[in-house]
Amino acid sequence: MSLNDLRMNKRWVVFGFLHGYPTPKQVKKAKVWQKAREQYLYKHVPTGVYYARSRAGKEDRWVTLETTVLSVAEHRVGKKIKELKKGHTARRSLKGGLATFGEADAAYLASVEASPHLKASSKHYIKQTVDAIRKSWPDLAKRKLADISASECERWASGYTKTIHPTRFNNTVASMRHIFDLAIEHGIVHDNPAADIKKLRITGKKLVLPSKGKFEALVKSMEEAGGGFSVDCADLVRFLAYSGCRLTEAAHVRWQDIDGAKNQIWIHGRPDRGTKNLESRAVPIIPQMRQLLDRLTEREKDARSPNRRGGDYVLNVTECTKALQSACDKVEIKRISHHDLRHLFATRCIESGIDIPTVARWLGHKDGGALAMKTYGHLRDEHSQAMAQKVTF
């Protein structure tokens, strides 16, 4: 270190001491990753989330285990490392230049799994699309990439499109293109044979949601189903409908996230908590939600999953698909999903006179209401017409 550098370092230490800033030595010592006792397992200190670390050549790959609980991370790390090593083997096959489609899709899934920019649900969905390719074209996995023609891809698409929803079809085609793009990147093929497959037009989903009376009948039916967690399932449905949260977001809400003074629930924007754009937001506590939260504070039963016990979670269960569908059948309404309850929240807000940009902000949209306008714009127009009939002179 030069004399001038030493002088500057001393000046920084004095300046930092006076203003409360860390010194360069303190910054250097600050830990970002903490090694756990299990091999390949590390804790990301700033967030508390555990990661699996795998080394491929000179490159480190960090993959989230989506938990802050050490015991859960220790249980998951072995399986995750096996998946990553399988991906390393597939990538080596690609470099050999004689890869089959099966080796290429394994390498693609490995890259998806290692991506820090994709949340767990997105990775799971992409894996489903690759599985769909394998099932709908059984002998494709053993075919050499260079031997697969565009006409074969077109024939596959024409048959597959008859059996699947347009959205799933388009996303499956996208995965197939990504796999061939990976082969192009490694110099195995020159062109993408799936490039000319036409995507299907997606028509807007018509929302068929329960009325206020039917919704109350729905949750009552769930409560009285007689199961060990029937009441908890009904509470989950209420929470989703009263907050507009995504299912994974609701599952991660803790009591410390409930701000009674400001009358809001804080949804944290973290990749392991289901928030799409990774931005935190506040959801208002409507009167029905207040009643639900007051009742939940008095319950005695602990969470169903051992991994959630002692976690101070508001909800005891994290999904209720079968219970929800069964209750829909009993009260004779169209079956709805967890996500439909998010639509129900937005619908009730707009019908109550809340402007769409505000509703969009509560839902966590970053587009200022463009998507909400596209989805719920007709409700706004209907509400506007109804209000206009009340105007008198």
Protein backbone atom coordinates (compact mmCIF):
# COMPACT_ATOMS: atom_id res chain seq x y z
CA MET A 1 0.00 0.00 0.00
CA SER A 2 1.39 3.41 -0.95
CA LEU A 3 1.81 6.26 1.53
CA ASN A 4 -1.03 8.14 -0.20
CA ASP A 5 -3.33 5.10 0.04
CA LEU A 6 -2.50 4.78 3.72
CA ARG A 7 -3.36 8.43 4.32
CA MET A 8 -6.72 8.03 2.50
CA ASN A 9 -7.49 4.89 4.50
CA LYS A 10 -6.85 6.72 7.78
CA ARG A 11 -9.05 9.61 6.66
CA TRP A 12 -11.86 7.14 5.89
CA VAL A 13 -11.53 5.49 9.32
CA VAL A 14 -11.83 8.88 11.05
CA PHE A 15 -14.72 9.98 8.79
CA GLY A 16 -16.52 6.67 9.23
CA PHE A 17 -16.07 6.73 13.01
CA LEU A 18 -17.59 10.20 13.22
CA HIS A 19 -20.56 9.32 10.97
CA GLY A 20 -21.19 5.76 12.08
CA TYR A 21 -20.10 4.09 8.80
CA PRO A 22 -18.30 0.73 8.77
CA THR A 23 -14.58 0.75 8.06
CA PRO A 24 -13.14 -1.10 5.02
CA LYS A 25 -11.93 -3.85 7.39
CA GLN A 26 -15.43 -4.19 8.88
CA VAL A 27 -16.98 -4.41 5.43
CA LYS A 28 -14.51 -7.09 4.42
CA LYS A 29 -15.32 -9.11 7.51
CA ALA A 30 -19.09 -8.80 7.02
CA LYS A 31 -20.43 -12.24 6.12
CA VAL A 32 -22.78 -12.73 3.21
CA TRP A 33 -22.63 -16.55 3.17
CA GLN A 34 -22.40 -18.74 6.26
CA LYS A 35 -21.36 -22.40 5.87
CA ALA A 36 -23.68 -24.93 7.53
CA ARG A 37 -22.60 -28.29 8.88
CA GLU A 38 -24.11 -30.18 5.90
CA GLN A 39 -21.94 -30.40 2.79
CA TYR A 40 -22.94 -27.96 0.01
CA LEU A 41 -25.27 -26.06 2.39
CA TYR A 42 -24.92 -22.31 2.99
CA LYS A 43 -27.02 -19.65 4.65
CA HIS A 44 -27.50 -16.27 2.96
CA VAL A 45 -26.98 -14.07 6.02
CA PRO A 46 -28.87 -10.91 4.91
CA THR A 47 -32.11 -12.85 4.24
CA GLY A 48 -31.67 -15.99 6.32
CA VAL A 49 -32.53 -18.20 3.31
CA TYR A 50 -30.54 -21.42 2.81
CA TYR A 51 -28.88 -22.26 -0.52
CA ALA A 52 -27.20 -25.28 -2.10
CA ARG A 53 -23.80 -24.53 -3.61
CA SER A 54 -22.55 -26.66 -6.49
CA ARG A 55 -19.38 -26.15 -8.50
CA ALA A 56 -19.27 -26.89 -12.25
CA GLY A 57 -15.74 -26.37 -13.57
CA LYS A 58 -14.76 -22.91 -12.40
CA GLU A 59 -18.34 -21.72 -11.96
CA ASP A 60 -20.29 -21.65 -8.68
CA ARG A 61 -24.01 -22.31 -8.83
CA TRP A 62 -26.19 -21.12 -5.97
CA VAL A 63 -29.73 -22.52 -5.81
CA THR A 64 -32.24 -21.47 -3.18
CA LEU A 65 -33.74 -24.18 -0.99
CA GLU A 66 -36.69 -21.86 -0.28
CA THR A 67 -36.52 -22.08 3.47
CA THR A 68 -35.05 -20.27 6.45
CA VAL A 69 -35.32 -23.38 8.67
CA LEU A 70 -32.04 -25.29 9.03
CA SER A 71 -33.62 -28.74 9.46
CA VAL A 72 -35.70 -28.31 6.30
CA ALA A 73 -32.66 -27.09 4.35
CA GLU A 74 -30.63 -30.11 5.49
CA HIS A 75 -33.42 -32.39 4.26
CA ARG A 76 -33.57 -30.71 0.83
CA VAL A 77 -29.92 -30.06 0.01
CA GLY A 78 -29.02 -33.63 -0.98
CA LYS A 79 -31.79 -33.91 -3.57
CA LYS A 80 -30.99 -30.47 -4.97
CA ILE A 81 -27.29 -31.31 -5.42
CA LYS A 82 -28.22 -34.51 -7.28
CA GLU A 83 -30.35 -32.46 -9.67
CA LEU A 84 -27.52 -30.00 -10.26
CA LYS A 85 -24.96 -32.75 -10.90
CA LYS A 86 -27.34 -34.33 -13.38
CA GLY A 87 -27.44 -30.98 -15.15
CA HIS A 88 -23.62 -30.81 -15.19
CA THR A 89 -23.50 -34.23 -16.90
CA ALA A 90 -26.06 -33.09 -19.48
CA ARG A 91 -24.07 -29.95 -20.26
CA ARG A 92 -20.91 -32.01 -20.79
CA SER A 93 -22.85 -34.15 -23.28
CA LEU A 94 -23.83 -31.01 -25.14
CA LYS A 95 -20.22 -29.92 -25.41
CA GLY A 96 -19.43 -33.29 -26.98
CA GLY A 97 -21.56 -32.32 -29.97
CA LEU A 98 -23.49 -35.62 -30.13
CA ALA A 99 -26.32 -34.71 -27.77
CA THR A 100 -29.83 -36.11 -27.97
CA PHE A 101 -32.91 -34.03 -27.27
CA GLY A 102 -33.20 -35.74 -23.88
CA GLU A 103 -29.71 -34.59 -22.91
CA ALA A 104 -30.49 -31.10 -24.15
CA ASP A 105 -33.75 -30.79 -22.20
CA ALA A 106 -31.92 -31.99 -19.06
CA ALA A 107 -29.31 -29.26 -19.56
CA TYR A 108 -32.05 -26.70 -20.12
CA LEU A 109 -33.85 -27.70 -16.90
CA ALA A 110 -30.54 -27.50 -15.02
CA SER A 111 -30.05 -23.92 -16.22
CA VAL A 112 -33.62 -23.08 -15.21
CA GLU A 113 -33.11 -24.60 -11.77
CA ALA A 114 -29.91 -22.63 -11.22
CA SER A 115 -31.42 -19.30 -12.32
CA PRO A 116 -31.63 -16.78 -9.46
CA HIS A 117 -34.19 -14.72 -11.39
CA LEU A 118 -36.96 -17.35 -11.47
CA LYS A 119 -39.13 -18.14 -8.49
CA ALA A 120 -39.89 -21.71 -7.47
CA SER A 121 -43.37 -21.78 -9.02
CA SER A 122 -41.99 -20.63 -12.39
CA LYS A 123 -39.32 -23.33 -12.33
CA HIS A 124 -41.95 -25.93 -11.51
CA TYR A 125 -44.16 -24.73 -14.36
CA ILE A 126 -41.28 -24.89 -16.87
CA LYS A 127 -40.50 -28.44 -15.73
CA GLN A 128 -44.15 -29.33 -16.38
CA THR A 129 -43.90 -28.04 -19.96
CA VAL A 130 -40.76 -30.12 -20.60
CA ASP A 131 -42.51 -33.17 -19.12
CA ALA A 132 -45.41 -32.47 -21.50
CA ILE A 133 -43.02 -32.54 -24.48
CA ARG A 134 -41.63 -35.88 -23.33
CA LYS A 135 -45.09 -37.44 -22.90
CA SER A 136 -46.62 -36.08 -26.11
CA TRP A 137 -43.58 -37.04 -28.25
CA PRO A 138 -42.29 -40.25 -26.58
CA ASP A 139 -39.36 -41.09 -28.89
CA LEU A 140 -38.05 -37.51 -29.07
CA ALA A 141 -35.68 -37.87 -26.09
CA LYS A 142 -33.51 -40.45 -27.91
CA ARG A 143 -33.32 -38.53 -31.18
CA LYS A 144 -30.13 -36.69 -32.19
CA LEU A 145 -30.78 -32.95 -32.18
CA ALA A 146 -29.34 -32.54 -35.67
CA ASP A 147 -31.78 -35.16 -37.06
CA ILE A 148 -35.00 -33.44 -35.89
CA SER A 149 -36.71 -31.55 -38.72
CA ALA A 150 -39.07 -28.58 -38.76
CA SER A 151 -41.80 -30.67 -40.42
CA GLU A 152 -41.67 -33.17 -37.55
CA CYS A 153 -42.06 -30.37 -35.05
CA GLU A 154 -45.03 -29.03 -37.00
CA ARG A 155 -46.70 -32.46 -36.98
CA TRP A 156 -46.16 -32.77 -33.25
CA ALA A 157 -47.67 -29.33 -32.69
CA SER A 158 -50.74 -30.03 -34.82
CA GLY A 159 -51.55 -33.09 -32.73
CA TYR A 160 -50.64 -31.61 -29.34
CA THR A 161 -52.71 -28.46 -29.83
CA LYS A 162 -55.91 -30.54 -29.85
CA THR A 163 -55.38 -31.82 -26.32
CA ILE A 164 -54.22 -28.79 -24.34
CA HIS A 165 -55.22 -25.25 -23.35
CA PRO A 166 -53.77 -22.50 -25.60
CA THR A 167 -51.73 -20.95 -22.78
CA ARG A 168 -50.11 -24.25 -21.84
CA PHE A 169 -49.52 -25.06 -25.52
CA ASN A 170 -47.76 -21.75 -26.13
CA ASN A 171 -45.56 -22.13 -23.06
CA THR A 172 -44.68 -25.71 -24.01
CA VAL A 173 -43.65 -24.54 -27.49
CA ALA A 174 -41.55 -21.83 -25.86
CA SER A 175 -39.70 -24.45 -23.81
CA MET A 176 -39.04 -26.54 -26.92
CA ARG A 177 -37.58 -23.48 -28.66
CA HIS A 178 -35.36 -22.72 -25.67
CA ILE A 179 -34.01 -26.28 -25.75
CA PHE A 180 -33.10 -26.00 -29.44
CA ASP A 181 -31.62 -22.53 -28.81
CA LEU A 182 -29.34 -24.14 -26.24
CA ALA A 183 -28.21 -26.60 -28.91
CA ILE A 184 -27.54 -23.71 -31.30
CA GLU A 185 -25.51 -21.98 -28.59
CA HIS A 186 -23.28 -25.08 -28.32
CA GLY A 187 -22.87 -25.38 -32.09
CA ILE A 188 -24.79 -28.65 -32.42
CA VAL A 189 -27.44 -27.33 -34.84
CA HIS A 190 -27.64 -24.20 -36.99
CA ASP A 191 -31.39 -23.55 -37.02
CA ASN A 192 -34.28 -23.95 -34.61
CA PRO A 193 -36.77 -26.47 -36.10
CA ALA A 194 -39.49 -25.28 -33.68
CA ALA A 195 -39.14 -21.63 -34.67
CA ASP A 196 -42.04 -21.64 -37.14
CA ILE A 197 -44.62 -23.30 -34.90
CA LYS A 198 -47.49 -20.85 -34.64
CA LYS A 199 -48.72 -20.00 -31.18
CA LEU A 200 -52.42 -20.17 -30.41
CA ARG A 201 -54.57 -17.14 -29.78
CA ILE A 202 -55.58 -16.82 -26.14
CA THR A 203 -59.07 -15.58 -25.45
CA GLY A 204 -59.82 -13.84 -22.19
CA LYS A 205 -61.04 -16.01 -19.35
CA LYS A 206 -64.65 -15.37 -18.45
CA LEU A 207 -64.82 -14.93 -14.71
CA VAL A 208 -67.66 -16.89 -13.11
CA LEU A 209 -67.42 -16.07 -9.42
CA PRO A 210 -69.79 -16.82 -6.52
CA SER A 211 -72.20 -14.17 -5.26
CA LYS A 212 -71.96 -12.92 -1.68
CA GLY A 213 -74.57 -15.42 -0.49
CA LYS A 214 -72.98 -18.34 -2.35
CA PHE A 215 -69.53 -17.45 -0.99
CA GLU A 216 -70.81 -17.55 2.58
CA ALA A 217 -72.49 -20.90 1.85
CA LEU A 218 -69.20 -22.13 0.36
CA VAL A 219 -67.03 -21.40 3.40
CA LYS A 220 -69.72 -22.68 5.76
CA SER A 221 -69.80 -25.96 3.83
CA MET A 222 -66.02 -26.22 4.13
CA GLU A 223 -66.13 -25.57 7.89
CA GLU A 224 -68.78 -28.24 8.46
CA ALA A 225 -67.09 -30.90 6.29
CA GLY A 226 -65.92 -32.75 9.40
CA GLY A 227 -62.23 -33.04 8.57
CA GLY A 228 -59.41 -32.39 11.01
CA PHE A 229 -58.47 -29.19 9.16
CA SER A 230 -61.85 -28.25 7.65
CA VAL A 231 -62.03 -24.98 9.62
CA ASP A 232 -58.43 -24.12 8.65
CA CYS A 233 -59.24 -24.69 4.96
CA ALA A 234 -62.24 -22.36 5.24
CA ASP A 235 -60.03 -19.75 6.91
CA LEU A 236 -57.54 -19.98 4.04
CA VAL A 237 -60.33 -19.38 1.52
CA ARG A 238 -61.54 -16.37 3.50
CA PHE A 239 -58.02 -14.96 3.81
CA LEU A 240 -57.42 -15.22 0.04
CA ALA A 241 -60.79 -13.65 -0.78
CA TYR A 242 -60.41 -10.82 1.74
CA SER A 243 -56.80 -9.94 0.80
CA GLY A 244 -56.34 -10.69 -2.92
CA CYS A 245 -53.04 -12.41 -2.08
CA ARG A 246 -51.54 -15.13 -4.20
CA LEU A 247 -51.59 -18.52 -2.50
CA THR A 248 -47.83 -18.59 -1.78
CA GLU A 249 -47.92 -15.01 -0.50
CA ALA A 250 -50.71 -15.87 1.94
CA ALA A 251 -48.85 -18.97 3.13
CA HIS A 252 -45.87 -16.84 4.22
CA VAL A 253 -47.78 -14.14 6.13
CA ARG A 254 -46.73 -14.09 9.79
CA TRP A 255 -48.36 -12.29 12.69
CA GLN A 256 -45.51 -9.79 12.72
CA ASP A 257 -46.65 -8.74 9.21
CA ILE A 258 -50.05 -7.64 10.56
CA ASP A 259 -50.03 -3.90 11.32
CA GLY A 260 -53.18 -3.21 13.28
CA ALA A 261 -52.30 0.44 13.85
CA LYS A 262 -52.06 1.16 10.11
CA ASN A 263 -54.80 -1.37 9.32
CA GLN A 264 -52.71 -3.25 6.76
CA ILE A 265 -50.99 -6.56 6.03
CA TRP A 266 -47.40 -6.39 4.81
CA ILE A 267 -46.59 -8.73 1.90
CA HIS A 268 -42.82 -9.18 1.60
CA GLY A 269 -41.26 -9.17 -1.87
CA ARG A 270 -38.90 -12.12 -1.60
CA PRO A 271 -38.30 -14.91 -4.17
CA ASP A 272 -39.24 -17.60 -1.64
CA ARG A 273 -42.56 -15.93 -0.77
CA GLY A 274 -44.38 -16.05 -4.09
CA THR A 275 -44.31 -12.35 -4.97
CA LYS A 276 -43.94 -12.10 -8.75
CA ASN A 277 -42.10 -8.79 -9.09
CA LEU A 278 -40.18 -9.18 -5.79
CA GLU A 279 -41.54 -5.87 -4.49
CA SER A 280 -43.14 -5.61 -1.05
CA ARG A 281 -46.59 -4.10 -0.71
CA ALA A 282 -49.28 -3.33 1.85
CA VAL A 283 -52.77 -4.84 1.61
CA PRO A 284 -55.58 -3.09 3.50
CA ILE A 285 -57.41 -4.93 6.26
CA ILE A 286 -61.09 -4.79 5.30
CA PRO A 287 -63.71 -5.32 8.04
CA GLN A 288 -64.24 -9.00 7.18
CA MET A 289 -60.49 -9.60 7.35
CA ARG A 290 -60.36 -7.88 10.74
CA GLN A 291 -63.00 -10.28 12.06
CA LEU A 292 -61.10 -13.25 10.63
CA LEU A 293 -57.79 -12.16 12.18
CA ASP A 294 -59.42 -11.54 15.56
CA ARG A 295 -60.80 -15.08 15.52
CA LEU A 296 -57.51 -16.62 14.37
CA THR A 297 -55.65 -15.11 17.33
CA GLU A 298 -57.85 -17.19 19.67
CA ARG A 299 -57.33 -20.61 18.05
CA GLU A 300 -55.37 -23.36 19.78
CA LYS A 301 -54.59 -25.80 16.94
CA ASP A 302 -51.08 -25.58 15.49
CA ALA A 303 -50.09 -25.70 11.82
CA ARG A 304 -50.63 -28.94 9.89
CA SER A 305 -47.10 -29.15 8.49
CA PRO A 306 -44.24 -29.76 10.97
CA ASN A 307 -42.14 -27.30 8.95
CA ARG A 308 -44.57 -24.48 9.81
CA ARG A 309 -44.96 -25.17 13.52
CA GLY A 310 -43.48 -22.44 15.64
CA GLY A 311 -43.14 -20.17 12.60
CA ASP A 312 -45.75 -17.68 13.84
CA TYR A 313 -47.74 -18.09 10.60
CA VAL A 314 -51.24 -16.64 10.41
CA LEU A 315 -52.61 -19.63 8.46
CA ASN A 316 -52.36 -23.28 9.48
CA VAL A 317 -52.72 -24.73 5.97
CA THR A 318 -51.18 -23.65 2.66
CA GLU A 319 -53.62 -25.18 0.16
CA CYS A 320 -57.14 -26.63 0.11
CA THR A 321 -57.86 -27.64 -3.49
CA LYS A 322 -59.85 -30.80 -2.74
CA ALA A 323 -61.83 -29.22 0.08
CA LEU A 324 -62.61 -26.16 -2.05
CA GLN A 325 -63.76 -28.15 -5.07
CA SER A 326 -65.85 -30.48 -2.92
CA ALA A 327 -67.59 -27.51 -1.28
CA CYS A 328 -68.27 -25.93 -4.70
CA ASP A 329 -70.03 -29.12 -5.76
CA LYS A 330 -72.10 -29.21 -2.56
CA VAL A 331 -73.38 -25.63 -2.88
CA GLU A 332 -73.84 -26.12 -6.64
CA ILE A 333 -71.56 -23.43 -8.03
CA LYS A 334 -68.88 -23.57 -10.71
CA ARG A 335 -65.63 -24.90 -9.30
CA ILE A 336 -63.16 -22.14 -8.44
CA SER A 337 -59.44 -22.23 -7.71
CA HIS A 338 -57.24 -20.52 -5.14
CA HIS A 339 -56.37 -17.88 -7.75
CA ASP A 340 -60.06 -17.23 -8.50
CA LEU A 341 -60.35 -15.92 -4.94
CA ARG A 342 -57.84 -13.22 -5.91
CA HIS A 343 -60.20 -12.31 -8.77
CA LEU A 344 -63.09 -12.32 -6.30
CA PHE A 345 -61.28 -9.79 -4.09
CA ALA A 346 -60.62 -7.47 -7.05
CA THR A 347 -64.20 -7.82 -8.25
CA ARG A 348 -65.69 -6.95 -4.87
CA CYS A 349 -63.35 -3.95 -4.55
CA ILE A 350 -64.35 -2.54 -7.94
CA GLU A 351 -68.04 -3.19 -7.28
CA SER A 352 -67.59 -1.26 -4.02
CA GLY A 353 -66.35 1.77 -5.95
CA ILE A 354 -62.56 1.41 -5.53
CA ASP A 355 -60.70 2.77 -8.57
CA ILE A 356 -58.78 0.25 -10.66
CA PRO A 357 -55.26 1.76 -10.15
CA THR A 358 -55.74 1.39 -6.37
CA VAL A 359 -56.97 -2.18 -6.72
CA ALA A 360 -53.99 -2.95 -8.99
CA ARG A 361 -51.61 -1.59 -6.34
CA TRP A 362 -53.23 -3.78 -3.68
CA LEU A 363 -52.81 -6.80 -5.99
CA GLY A 364 -49.13 -6.02 -6.49
CA HIS A 365 -49.29 -5.03 -10.19
CA LYS A 366 -46.56 -2.65 -11.37
CA ASP A 367 -48.29 -1.48 -14.57
CA GLY A 368 -50.47 1.19 -12.99
CA GLY A 369 -53.64 -0.81 -13.60
CA ALA A 370 -53.24 -1.82 -17.27
CA LEU A 371 -53.65 -5.54 -16.59
CA ALA A 372 -56.44 -4.96 -14.09
CA MET A 373 -58.22 -2.73 -16.61
CA LYS A 374 -58.01 -5.49 -19.20
CA THR A 375 -59.32 -8.09 -16.76
CA TYR A 376 -61.87 -6.08 -14.79
CA GLY A 377 -62.60 -3.09 -17.03
CA HIS A 378 -66.11 -4.33 -17.82
CA LEU A 379 -66.91 -4.33 -14.10
CA ARG A 380 -65.90 -0.69 -13.84
CA ASP A 381 -68.16 0.21 -16.75
CA GLU A 382 -71.08 -1.72 -15.25
CA HIS A 383 -70.54 -0.05 -11.87
CA SER A 384 -70.35 3.37 -13.56
CA GLN A 385 -73.68 2.79 -15.31
CA ALA A 386 -75.31 1.64 -12.08
CA MET A 387 -74.07 4.73 -10.24
CA ALA A 388 -75.26 6.99 -13.05
CA GLN A 389 -78.83 5.82 -12.47
CA LYS A 390 -78.71 7.28 -8.97
CA VAL A 391 -77.93 10.79 -10.21
CA THR A 392 -80.94 13.15 -9.81
CA PHE A 393 -81.59 16.85 -10.31
